[in-house]
Amino acid sequence: MSTAWETTWNIFHSSKSRRDCSKPLKIGLNGALIWISGCLLIAALAQVISPYHPAQISLDARLSPPLFFGGTIEHWLGTDELGRDVLARLIYSIQISMLVAVGGTFISTLLGVSLGFLAAELGGLIGEGVMALVDMQAAVPFMITALLVITIFGNSLALFVCLVGLHGWERHARIARGLALTARNRLHVTAARTYNASRVHIYARHILPACAPTVVVGMTLGLTETVLLESTLSFLGLGIQPPMSSLGNMVGYGRDYLMTAWWIALAPGLVIAATAIALMTIGEALRQMGPRSASFTSI
C-alpha cells in the first residue's frame, strides 16, 4: 500500500513540478509575443504616432537629456547632436529595421525552400549543383559578400533587403531538401503521383504542408539573426544610409557621445537586445512544440 501511495505522490509531484517550471516559460513567451506585436504595430503606424519627423533639426535643443534626467516633456527620450528627437528617430528606426528583417527573412526562406525542393525533386546533376551552391554559400563569410555587393552596386533600401535575404538561405535549402525527400515517399504522395498529379500540385498540396512547421521554426530563428545582421551592417555604415534611420546606425551615431549623451545609443541598443531575446524565445517555444524534425540546434 505504501508503495502505491509513494508512486502516486511521485507522479503528482513530478507533474506539479513540470507545471511550476512551465509557468515562467509561458510568462516569457507571452512577454515576447507582446513585444514583437508592439514592434510590428509601431512599424505599421510610425508616421501616425511619431511626435516629430525623424530628420527635423532643432539646434537649440541639441543633446537634451531624457525627461526623467532633467529633460523636457517635448522630448521624452532626449535629442541627439543635431537636436533631432530620439523617440521619433527610434520609432522610424523600428519601422525600417522590421521591414529589412521581415523582407530579408522572407526572401531567404523562399529562396532556400525553392532550391531545396528543386534539388529533392530533380536530383542528379541539378541536385548536386544546388548542394554545391549551398556548400559554397556556407563556406564564404557573409560579410565579405556584403562588402563586395555594396562596393559594386552601391546601397539602397531595396538592394539592402535583397542582400540581407541572401543570408542563411543555405540552411533552409538543406532542411527543405531533407524534408522533401522524406515526404515524397509517403503513401498519399505516392497516390497523387499514381493519378498523374503535376509536380507543382504535389508540392503545393502535400509536401509543403508537411514541411511547413519546420520551415516556420526556421524562419523565426532566422529572423533573429536577420535583426542582428541588419544592426551590425548599419552600425558599420554598410546598411541603411541617411536620411533614413535604423536601429543599427542610431547606435553607430551614438557611440561618439557615450560619455556625454548616452541616451542616443541606449534606447536603440535596448530595443535590439529585447527584440533578439523575444524572437529567440518565440523560436525556442515553436521548436519545442513542433515536430522532432524542427531542430535547428545543429545547423
C-alpha atoms as a PDB file:
ATOM      1  CA  MET A   1       0.000   0.000   0.000  1.00  0.00           C
ATOM      2  CA  SER A   2       2.811   2.380   0.899  1.00  0.00           C
ATOM      3  CA  THR A   3       4.462   1.686  -2.440  1.00  0.00           C
ATOM      4  CA  ALA A   4       1.270   2.645  -4.292  1.00  0.00           C
ATOM      5  CA  TRP A   5       0.972   5.840  -2.262  1.00  0.00           C
ATOM      6  CA  GLU A   6       4.608   6.689  -2.944  1.00  0.00           C
ATOM      7  CA  THR A   7       4.143   6.088  -6.668  1.00  0.00           C
ATOM      8  CA  THR A   8       1.026   8.261  -6.761  1.00  0.00           C
ATOM      9  CA  TRP A   9       2.764  11.010  -4.812  1.00  0.00           C
ATOM     10  CA  ASN A  10       5.804  10.914  -7.110  1.00  0.00           C
ATOM     11  CA  ILE A  11       3.603  11.211 -10.197  1.00  0.00           C
ATOM     12  CA  PHE A  12       1.677  14.119  -8.673  1.00  0.00           C
ATOM     13  CA  HIS A  13       4.855  15.852  -7.511  1.00  0.00           C
ATOM     14  CA  SER A  14       6.584  15.468 -10.896  1.00  0.00           C
ATOM     15  CA  SER A  15       3.545  16.802 -12.778  1.00  0.00           C
ATOM     16  CA  LYS A  16       3.288  19.722 -10.356  1.00  0.00           C
ATOM     17  CA  SER A  17       6.993  20.465 -10.829  1.00  0.00           C
ATOM     18  CA  ARG A  18       6.556  20.466 -14.602  1.00  0.00           C
ATOM     19  CA  ARG A  19       3.624  22.859 -14.301  1.00  0.00           C
ATOM     20  CA  ASP A  20       5.612  25.130 -11.989  1.00  0.00           C
ATOM     21  CA  CYS A  21       8.568  25.120 -14.374  1.00  0.00           C
ATOM     22  CA  SER A  22       6.341  25.862 -17.364  1.00  0.00           C
ATOM     23  CA  LYS A  23       4.856  28.979 -15.764  1.00  0.00           C
ATOM     24  CA  PRO A  24       7.990  31.135 -16.256  1.00  0.00           C
ATOM     25  CA  LEU A  25       8.271  29.831 -19.820  1.00  0.00           C
ATOM     26  CA  LYS A  26       4.679  30.821 -20.569  1.00  0.00           C
ATOM     27  CA  ILE A  27       5.200  34.235 -18.999  1.00  0.00           C
ATOM     28  CA  GLY A  28       8.344  34.743 -21.075  1.00  0.00           C
ATOM     29  CA  LEU A  29       6.597  33.615 -24.252  1.00  0.00           C
ATOM     30  CA  ASN A  30       3.648  35.928 -23.619  1.00  0.00           C
ATOM     31  CA  GLY A  31       6.014  38.807 -22.980  1.00  0.00           C
ATOM     32  CA  ALA A  32       7.930  38.039 -26.180  1.00  0.00           C
ATOM     33  CA  LEU A  33       4.723  37.928 -28.227  1.00  0.00           C
ATOM     34  CA  ILE A  34       3.561  41.241 -26.753  1.00  0.00           C
ATOM     35  CA  TRP A  35       6.926  42.867 -27.512  1.00  0.00           C
ATOM     36  CA  ILE A  36       7.081  41.657 -31.127  1.00  0.00           C
ATOM     37  CA  SER A  37       3.435  42.605 -31.695  1.00  0.00           C
ATOM     38  CA  GLY A  38       4.183  46.061 -30.300  1.00  0.00           C
ATOM     39  CA  CYS A  39       7.200  46.468 -32.601  1.00  0.00           C
ATOM     40  CA  LEU A  40       5.151  45.455 -35.635  1.00  0.00           C
ATOM     41  CA  LEU A  41       2.366  47.828 -34.614  1.00  0.00           C
ATOM     42  CA  ILE A  42       4.850  50.685 -34.197  1.00  0.00           C
ATOM     43  CA  ALA A  43       6.344  49.871 -37.594  1.00  0.00           C
ATOM     44  CA  ALA A  44       2.907  49.966 -39.229  1.00  0.00           C
ATOM     45  CA  LEU A  45       1.846  53.232 -37.556  1.00  0.00           C
ATOM     46  CA  ALA A  46       5.182  55.052 -37.436  1.00  0.00           C
ATOM     47  CA  GLN A  47       4.003  58.029 -39.500  1.00  0.00           C
ATOM     48  CA  VAL A  48       0.948  58.420 -37.272  1.00  0.00           C
ATOM     49  CA  ILE A  49       2.371  58.063 -33.761  1.00  0.00           C
ATOM     50  CA  SER A  50       5.743  59.767 -34.235  1.00  0.00           C
ATOM     51  CA  PRO A  51       5.815  63.146 -32.451  1.00  0.00           C
ATOM     52  CA  TYR A  52       8.269  64.665 -34.954  1.00  0.00           C
ATOM     53  CA  HIS A  53       9.790  63.952 -38.326  1.00  0.00           C
ATOM     54  CA  PRO A  54      12.988  61.953 -37.732  1.00  0.00           C
ATOM     55  CA  ALA A  55      15.086  64.459 -39.724  1.00  0.00           C
ATOM     56  CA  GLN A  56      13.687  67.567 -38.045  1.00  0.00           C
ATOM     57  CA  ILE A  57      16.596  69.569 -36.601  1.00  0.00           C
ATOM     58  CA  SER A  58      16.446  71.882 -33.583  1.00  0.00           C
ATOM     59  CA  LEU A  59      19.905  73.172 -32.693  1.00  0.00           C
ATOM     60  CA  ASP A  60      18.542  74.992 -29.646  1.00  0.00           C
ATOM     61  CA  ALA A  61      17.570  71.629 -28.116  1.00  0.00           C
ATOM     62  CA  ARG A  62      20.644  69.615 -29.138  1.00  0.00           C
ATOM     63  CA  LEU A  63      21.839  66.943 -26.676  1.00  0.00           C
ATOM     64  CA  SER A  64      18.832  67.481 -24.439  1.00  0.00           C
ATOM     65  CA  PRO A  65      18.598  64.631 -21.852  1.00  0.00           C
ATOM     66  CA  PRO A  66      15.528  62.398 -21.412  1.00  0.00           C
ATOM     67  CA  LEU A  67      12.519  63.564 -19.448  1.00  0.00           C
ATOM     68  CA  PHE A  68      13.411  61.853 -16.169  1.00  0.00           C
ATOM     69  CA  PHE A  69      17.042  63.004 -16.308  1.00  0.00           C
ATOM     70  CA  GLY A  70      16.459  66.739 -16.469  1.00  0.00           C
ATOM     71  CA  GLY A  71      14.930  66.993 -19.928  1.00  0.00           C
ATOM     72  CA  THR A  72      11.656  68.444 -21.126  1.00  0.00           C
ATOM     73  CA  ILE A  73       8.328  66.864 -21.960  1.00  0.00           C
ATOM     74  CA  GLU A  74       8.744  67.885 -25.614  1.00  0.00           C
ATOM     75  CA  HIS A  75      11.494  65.257 -26.000  1.00  0.00           C
ATOM     76  CA  TRP A  76      10.755  62.250 -23.803  1.00  0.00           C
ATOM     77  CA  LEU A  77      13.909  60.358 -24.771  1.00  0.00           C
ATOM     78  CA  GLY A  78      16.055  63.419 -25.354  1.00  0.00           C
ATOM     79  CA  THR A  79      17.681  64.678 -28.539  1.00  0.00           C
ATOM     80  CA  ASP A  80      20.856  63.893 -30.452  1.00  0.00           C
ATOM     81  CA  GLU A  81      23.781  66.031 -31.535  1.00  0.00           C
ATOM     82  CA  LEU A  82      21.648  67.839 -34.139  1.00  0.00           C
ATOM     83  CA  GLY A  83      18.629  68.328 -31.928  1.00  0.00           C
ATOM     84  CA  ARG A  84      16.629  65.535 -33.560  1.00  0.00           C
ATOM     85  CA  ASP A  85      14.102  63.825 -31.318  1.00  0.00           C
ATOM     86  CA  VAL A  86      15.403  60.413 -30.222  1.00  0.00           C
ATOM     87  CA  LEU A  87      11.897  58.980 -29.767  1.00  0.00           C
ATOM     88  CA  ALA A  88      10.861  59.960 -33.288  1.00  0.00           C
ATOM     89  CA  ARG A  89      14.045  58.501 -34.744  1.00  0.00           C
ATOM     90  CA  LEU A  90      13.559  55.355 -32.672  1.00  0.00           C
ATOM     91  CA  ILE A  91      10.018  54.866 -33.997  1.00  0.00           C
ATOM     92  CA  TYR A  92      11.109  55.255 -37.619  1.00  0.00           C
ATOM     93  CA  SER A  93      14.174  53.081 -36.983  1.00  0.00           C
ATOM     94  CA  ILE A  94      11.950  50.268 -35.715  1.00  0.00           C
ATOM     95  CA  GLN A  95       9.910  50.579 -38.911  1.00  0.00           C
ATOM     96  CA  ILE A  96      12.961  50.339 -41.187  1.00  0.00           C
ATOM     97  CA  SER A  97      14.602  47.556 -39.178  1.00  0.00           C
ATOM     98  CA  MET A  98      11.402  45.473 -39.123  1.00  0.00           C
ATOM     99  CA  LEU A  99      10.988  45.995 -42.869  1.00  0.00           C
ATOM    100  CA  VAL A 100      14.529  44.829 -43.573  1.00  0.00           C
ATOM    101  CA  ALA A 101      14.316  41.898 -41.145  1.00  0.00           C
ATOM    102  CA  VAL A 102      10.936  40.586 -42.317  1.00  0.00           C
ATOM    103  CA  GLY A 103      11.670  41.175 -46.001  1.00  0.00           C
ATOM    104  CA  GLY A 104      15.125  39.620 -45.817  1.00  0.00           C
ATOM    105  CA  THR A 105      13.887  36.588 -43.897  1.00  0.00           C
ATOM    106  CA  PHE A 106      11.065  36.052 -46.389  1.00  0.00           C
ATOM    107  CA  ILE A 107      13.466  36.196 -49.333  1.00  0.00           C
ATOM    108  CA  SER A 108      15.936  33.870 -47.617  1.00  0.00           C
ATOM    109  CA  THR A 109      13.243  31.320 -46.760  1.00  0.00           C
ATOM    110  CA  LEU A 110      11.624  31.449 -50.198  1.00  0.00           C
ATOM    111  CA  LEU A 111      14.959  31.033 -51.975  1.00  0.00           C
ATOM    112  CA  GLY A 112      16.171  28.240 -49.710  1.00  0.00           C
ATOM    113  CA  VAL A 113      12.935  26.230 -49.723  1.00  0.00           C
ATOM    114  CA  SER A 114      12.567  26.554 -53.508  1.00  0.00           C
ATOM    115  CA  LEU A 115      16.109  25.371 -54.181  1.00  0.00           C
ATOM    116  CA  GLY A 116      15.782  22.598 -51.605  1.00  0.00           C
ATOM    117  CA  PHE A 117      12.596  21.295 -53.229  1.00  0.00           C
ATOM    118  CA  LEU A 118      14.244  21.573 -56.645  1.00  0.00           C
ATOM    119  CA  ALA A 119      17.236  19.516 -55.517  1.00  0.00           C
ATOM    120  CA  ALA A 120      14.988  16.899 -53.927  1.00  0.00           C
ATOM    121  CA  GLU A 121      12.679  16.530 -56.926  1.00  0.00           C
ATOM    122  CA  LEU A 122      15.142  16.580 -59.807  1.00  0.00           C
ATOM    123  CA  GLY A 123      18.237  15.121 -58.172  1.00  0.00           C
ATOM    124  CA  GLY A 124      21.121  14.158 -60.423  1.00  0.00           C
ATOM    125  CA  LEU A 125      23.373  16.938 -61.657  1.00  0.00           C
ATOM    126  CA  ILE A 126      20.862  19.634 -60.731  1.00  0.00           C
ATOM    127  CA  GLY A 127      20.602  18.377 -57.176  1.00  0.00           C
ATOM    128  CA  GLU A 128      24.373  18.143 -56.866  1.00  0.00           C
ATOM    129  CA  GLY A 129      24.711  21.650 -58.309  1.00  0.00           C
ATOM    130  CA  VAL A 130      22.249  23.077 -55.798  1.00  0.00           C
ATOM    131  CA  MET A 131      24.035  21.401 -52.902  1.00  0.00           C
ATOM    132  CA  ALA A 132      27.365  22.672 -54.237  1.00  0.00           C
ATOM    133  CA  LEU A 133      25.928  26.206 -54.119  1.00  0.00           C
ATOM    134  CA  VAL A 134      24.789  25.525 -50.556  1.00  0.00           C
ATOM    135  CA  ASP A 135      28.266  24.407 -49.531  1.00  0.00           C
ATOM    136  CA  MET A 136      29.852  27.399 -51.241  1.00  0.00           C
ATOM    137  CA  GLN A 137      27.468  29.823 -49.525  1.00  0.00           C
ATOM    138  CA  ALA A 138      28.182  28.226 -46.161  1.00  0.00           C
ATOM    139  CA  ALA A 139      31.947  28.387 -46.719  1.00  0.00           C
ATOM    140  CA  VAL A 140      32.172  32.074 -47.693  1.00  0.00           C
ATOM    141  CA  PRO A 141      31.739  34.587 -44.821  1.00  0.00           C
ATOM    142  CA  PHE A 142      28.653  36.665 -45.493  1.00  0.00           C
ATOM    143  CA  MET A 143      30.385  39.912 -44.519  1.00  0.00           C
ATOM    144  CA  ILE A 144      32.735  39.522 -47.495  1.00  0.00           C
ATOM    145  CA  THR A 145      29.759  39.017 -49.803  1.00  0.00           C
ATOM    146  CA  ALA A 146      28.044  42.088 -48.356  1.00  0.00           C
ATOM    147  CA  LEU A 147      31.139  44.254 -48.828  1.00  0.00           C
ATOM    148  CA  LEU A 148      31.532  43.061 -52.432  1.00  0.00           C
ATOM    149  CA  VAL A 149      27.884  43.691 -53.366  1.00  0.00           C
ATOM    150  CA  ILE A 150      27.743  47.126 -51.727  1.00  0.00           C
ATOM    151  CA  THR A 151      31.038  48.166 -53.345  1.00  0.00           C
ATOM    152  CA  ILE A 152      29.875  47.181 -56.823  1.00  0.00           C
ATOM    153  CA  PHE A 153      26.194  48.140 -56.787  1.00  0.00           C
ATOM    154  CA  GLY A 154      26.068  50.837 -54.126  1.00  0.00           C
ATOM    155  CA  ASN A 155      23.449  50.898 -51.400  1.00  0.00           C
ATOM    156  CA  SER A 156      19.701  51.419 -51.353  1.00  0.00           C
ATOM    157  CA  LEU A 157      16.856  50.105 -49.237  1.00  0.00           C
ATOM    158  CA  ALA A 158      15.653  47.596 -51.859  1.00  0.00           C
ATOM    159  CA  LEU A 159      19.185  46.354 -52.548  1.00  0.00           C
ATOM    160  CA  PHE A 160      19.908  46.053 -48.838  1.00  0.00           C
ATOM    161  CA  VAL A 161      16.761  43.975 -48.237  1.00  0.00           C
ATOM    162  CA  CYS A 162      17.759  41.638 -51.086  1.00  0.00           C
ATOM    163  CA  LEU A 163      21.309  41.466 -49.762  1.00  0.00           C
ATOM    164  CA  VAL A 164      20.107  40.506 -46.285  1.00  0.00           C
ATOM    165  CA  GLY A 165      17.871  37.917 -47.989  1.00  0.00           C
ATOM    166  CA  LEU A 166      20.984  36.127 -49.231  1.00  0.00           C
ATOM    167  CA  HIS A 167      21.998  35.379 -45.645  1.00  0.00           C
ATOM    168  CA  GLY A 168      21.101  31.938 -44.311  1.00  0.00           C
ATOM    169  CA  TRP A 169      19.206  30.581 -47.311  1.00  0.00           C
ATOM    170  CA  GLU A 170      21.524  27.562 -47.452  1.00  0.00           C
ATOM    171  CA  ARG A 171      20.182  26.273 -44.111  1.00  0.00           C
ATOM    172  CA  HIS A 172      16.616  26.461 -45.365  1.00  0.00           C
ATOM    173  CA  ALA A 173      17.694  24.643 -48.525  1.00  0.00           C
ATOM    174  CA  ARG A 174      19.272  21.780 -46.566  1.00  0.00           C
ATOM    175  CA  ILE A 175      16.243  21.388 -44.315  1.00  0.00           C
ATOM    176  CA  ALA A 176      13.736  21.647 -47.174  1.00  0.00           C
ATOM    177  CA  ARG A 177      15.618  19.075 -49.256  1.00  0.00           C
ATOM    178  CA  GLY A 178      15.741  16.578 -46.390  1.00  0.00           C
ATOM    179  CA  LEU A 179      12.072  17.046 -45.535  1.00  0.00           C
ATOM    180  CA  ALA A 180      11.030  16.768 -49.171  1.00  0.00           C
ATOM    181  CA  LEU A 181      12.979  13.540 -49.653  1.00  0.00           C
ATOM    182  CA  THR A 182      11.162  12.096 -46.642  1.00  0.00           C
ATOM    183  CA  ALA A 183       7.702  13.401 -47.519  1.00  0.00           C
ATOM    184  CA  ARG A 184       7.765  12.285 -51.162  1.00  0.00           C
ATOM    185  CA  ASN A 185       7.841   8.620 -50.066  1.00  0.00           C
ATOM    186  CA  ARG A 186       4.620   8.856 -48.060  1.00  0.00           C
ATOM    187  CA  LEU A 187       1.558   6.985 -49.243  1.00  0.00           C
ATOM    188  CA  HIS A 188      -0.613   9.980 -50.102  1.00  0.00           C
ATOM    189  CA  VAL A 189       2.201  11.492 -52.200  1.00  0.00           C
ATOM    190  CA  THR A 190       2.704   8.181 -53.989  1.00  0.00           C
ATOM    191  CA  ALA A 191      -1.030   8.002 -54.622  1.00  0.00           C
ATOM    192  CA  ALA A 192      -1.008  11.509 -56.079  1.00  0.00           C
ATOM    193  CA  ARG A 193       1.792  10.540 -58.444  1.00  0.00           C
ATOM    194  CA  THR A 194      -0.164   7.451 -59.449  1.00  0.00           C
ATOM    195  CA  TYR A 195      -3.050   9.678 -60.544  1.00  0.00           C
ATOM    196  CA  ASN A 196      -0.624  11.746 -62.662  1.00  0.00           C
ATOM    197  CA  ALA A 197      -0.793  14.849 -60.484  1.00  0.00           C
ATOM    198  CA  SER A 198       1.647  17.548 -61.524  1.00  0.00           C
ATOM    199  CA  ARG A 199       4.792  18.243 -59.541  1.00  0.00           C
ATOM    200  CA  VAL A 200       3.557  21.708 -58.647  1.00  0.00           C
ATOM    201  CA  HIS A 201       0.287  20.254 -57.319  1.00  0.00           C
ATOM    202  CA  ILE A 202       2.084  17.585 -55.279  1.00  0.00           C
ATOM    203  CA  TYR A 203       4.491  20.016 -53.691  1.00  0.00           C
ATOM    204  CA  ALA A 204       1.865  22.687 -53.050  1.00  0.00           C
ATOM    205  CA  ARG A 205      -0.838  20.380 -51.665  1.00  0.00           C
ATOM    206  CA  HIS A 206       1.106  17.562 -49.993  1.00  0.00           C
ATOM    207  CA  ILE A 207       4.827  18.162 -49.433  1.00  0.00           C
ATOM    208  CA  LEU A 208       4.838  21.844 -48.472  1.00  0.00           C
ATOM    209  CA  PRO A 209       2.152  21.473 -45.749  1.00  0.00           C
ATOM    210  CA  ALA A 210       4.151  18.604 -44.265  1.00  0.00           C
ATOM    211  CA  CYS A 211       7.293  20.762 -44.193  1.00  0.00           C
ATOM    212  CA  ALA A 212       5.553  23.955 -43.046  1.00  0.00           C
ATOM    213  CA  PRO A 213       6.034  23.558 -39.241  1.00  0.00           C
ATOM    214  CA  THR A 214       9.781  23.121 -39.584  1.00  0.00           C
ATOM    215  CA  VAL A 215      10.032  25.926 -42.124  1.00  0.00           C
ATOM    216  CA  VAL A 216       8.157  28.300 -39.808  1.00  0.00           C
ATOM    217  CA  VAL A 217      10.514  27.465 -36.932  1.00  0.00           C
ATOM    218  CA  GLY A 218      13.473  28.102 -39.221  1.00  0.00           C
ATOM    219  CA  MET A 219      12.013  31.452 -40.282  1.00  0.00           C
ATOM    220  CA  THR A 220      11.564  32.533 -36.667  1.00  0.00           C
ATOM    221  CA  LEU A 221      15.119  31.598 -35.712  1.00  0.00           C
ATOM    222  CA  GLY A 222      16.437  33.167 -38.904  1.00  0.00           C
ATOM    223  CA  LEU A 223      14.560  36.383 -38.142  1.00  0.00           C
ATOM    224  CA  THR A 224      16.651  36.812 -35.000  1.00  0.00           C
ATOM    225  CA  GLU A 225      19.862  36.578 -36.995  1.00  0.00           C
ATOM    226  CA  THR A 226      18.498  38.973 -39.609  1.00  0.00           C
ATOM    227  CA  VAL A 227      17.725  41.631 -36.985  1.00  0.00           C
ATOM    228  CA  LEU A 228      21.246  41.339 -35.587  1.00  0.00           C
ATOM    229  CA  LEU A 229      22.768  41.290 -39.090  1.00  0.00           C
ATOM    230  CA  GLU A 230      20.959  44.473 -40.122  1.00  0.00           C
ATOM    231  CA  SER A 231      22.021  46.167 -36.911  1.00  0.00           C
ATOM    232  CA  THR A 232      25.645  45.107 -37.400  1.00  0.00           C
ATOM    233  CA  LEU A 233      25.864  46.238 -41.021  1.00  0.00           C
ATOM    234  CA  SER A 234      24.153  49.557 -40.269  1.00  0.00           C
ATOM    235  CA  PHE A 235      26.402  50.101 -37.241  1.00  0.00           C
ATOM    236  CA  LEU A 236      29.439  49.663 -39.501  1.00  0.00           C
ATOM    237  CA  GLY A 237      28.000  52.100 -42.062  1.00  0.00           C
ATOM    238  CA  LEU A 238      27.255  49.413 -44.660  1.00  0.00           C
ATOM    239  CA  GLY A 239      23.497  49.229 -44.168  1.00  0.00           C
ATOM    240  CA  ILE A 240      20.788  51.866 -44.034  1.00  0.00           C
ATOM    241  CA  GLN A 241      22.127  55.271 -45.059  1.00  0.00           C
ATOM    242  CA  PRO A 242      20.964  58.797 -44.091  1.00  0.00           C
ATOM    243  CA  PRO A 243      18.482  60.394 -44.230  1.00  0.00           C
ATOM    244  CA  MET A 244      16.828  57.064 -43.316  1.00  0.00           C
ATOM    245  CA  SER A 245      17.458  55.706 -39.859  1.00  0.00           C
ATOM    246  CA  SER A 246      17.660  52.204 -38.421  1.00  0.00           C
ATOM    247  CA  LEU A 247      18.411  50.774 -35.009  1.00  0.00           C
ATOM    248  CA  GLY A 248      21.946  49.872 -36.030  1.00  0.00           C
ATOM    249  CA  ASN A 249      23.007  53.263 -37.355  1.00  0.00           C
ATOM    250  CA  MET A 250      21.383  55.003 -34.361  1.00  0.00           C
ATOM    251  CA  VAL A 251      23.754  53.034 -32.140  1.00  0.00           C
ATOM    252  CA  GLY A 252      26.582  53.818 -34.550  1.00  0.00           C
ATOM    253  CA  TYR A 253      25.957  57.553 -34.422  1.00  0.00           C
ATOM    254  CA  GLY A 254      25.542  57.491 -30.649  1.00  0.00           C
ATOM    255  CA  ARG A 255      28.848  55.741 -29.897  1.00  0.00           C
ATOM    256  CA  ASP A 256      30.719  59.065 -30.206  1.00  0.00           C
ATOM    257  CA  TYR A 257      28.586  60.503 -27.408  1.00  0.00           C
ATOM    258  CA  LEU A 258      28.519  57.641 -24.927  1.00  0.00           C
ATOM    259  CA  MET A 259      30.169  59.720 -22.205  1.00  0.00           C
ATOM    260  CA  THR A 260      28.146  62.907 -22.730  1.00  0.00           C
ATOM    261  CA  ALA A 261      24.835  61.813 -24.304  1.00  0.00           C
ATOM    262  CA  TRP A 262      24.443  58.107 -23.522  1.00  0.00           C
ATOM    263  CA  TRP A 263      20.697  58.146 -24.283  1.00  0.00           C
ATOM    264  CA  ILE A 264      21.320  58.404 -28.028  1.00  0.00           C
ATOM    265  CA  ALA A 265      22.689  54.846 -28.228  1.00  0.00           C
ATOM    266  CA  LEU A 266      20.951  53.360 -25.178  1.00  0.00           C
ATOM    267  CA  ALA A 267      17.363  53.367 -26.490  1.00  0.00           C
ATOM    268  CA  PRO A 268      18.058  51.621 -29.838  1.00  0.00           C
ATOM    269  CA  GLY A 269      20.508  49.248 -28.154  1.00  0.00           C
ATOM    270  CA  LEU A 270      17.864  48.135 -25.685  1.00  0.00           C
ATOM    271  CA  VAL A 271      15.325  47.671 -28.494  1.00  0.00           C
ATOM    272  CA  ILE A 272      17.777  45.493 -30.458  1.00  0.00           C
ATOM    273  CA  ALA A 273      18.529  43.346 -27.410  1.00  0.00           C
ATOM    274  CA  ALA A 274      14.870  42.983 -26.404  1.00  0.00           C
ATOM    275  CA  THR A 275      13.805  42.127 -29.953  1.00  0.00           C
ATOM    276  CA  ALA A 276      16.508  39.490 -30.356  1.00  0.00           C
ATOM    277  CA  ILE A 277      15.646  37.893 -26.989  1.00  0.00           C
ATOM    278  CA  ALA A 278      11.921  37.924 -27.796  1.00  0.00           C
ATOM    279  CA  LEU A 279      12.448  36.289 -31.189  1.00  0.00           C
ATOM    280  CA  MET A 280      14.722  33.633 -29.706  1.00  0.00           C
ATOM    281  CA  THR A 281      12.108  32.909 -27.044  1.00  0.00           C
ATOM    282  CA  ILE A 282       9.367  32.512 -29.645  1.00  0.00           C
ATOM    283  CA  GLY A 283      11.586  30.371 -31.863  1.00  0.00           C
ATOM    284  CA  GLU A 284      12.543  28.090 -28.995  1.00  0.00           C
ATOM    285  CA  ALA A 285       8.881  27.726 -27.985  1.00  0.00           C
ATOM    286  CA  LEU A 286       7.923  26.823 -31.542  1.00  0.00           C
ATOM    287  CA  ARG A 287      10.792  24.340 -31.744  1.00  0.00           C
ATOM    288  CA  GLN A 288       9.653  22.592 -28.572  1.00  0.00           C
ATOM    289  CA  MET A 289       6.021  22.489 -29.696  1.00  0.00           C
ATOM    290  CA  GLY A 290       6.838  21.415 -33.228  1.00  0.00           C
ATOM    291  CA  PRO A 291       7.878  18.033 -34.632  1.00  0.00           C
ATOM    292  CA  ARG A 292      11.213  16.449 -33.809  1.00  0.00           C
ATOM    293  CA  SER A 293      12.459  17.300 -37.273  1.00  0.00           C
ATOM    294  CA  ALA A 294      12.201  21.002 -36.374  1.00  0.00           C
ATOM    295  CA  SER A 295      15.592  21.038 -34.736  1.00  0.00           C
ATOM    296  CA  PHE A 296      17.989  23.753 -35.791  1.00  0.00           C
ATOM    297  CA  THR A 297      20.421  23.399 -32.936  1.00  0.00           C
ATOM    298  CA  SER A 298      22.954  21.539 -35.040  1.00  0.00           C
ATOM    299  CA  ILE A 299      22.786  23.822 -38.055  1.00  0.00           C
END
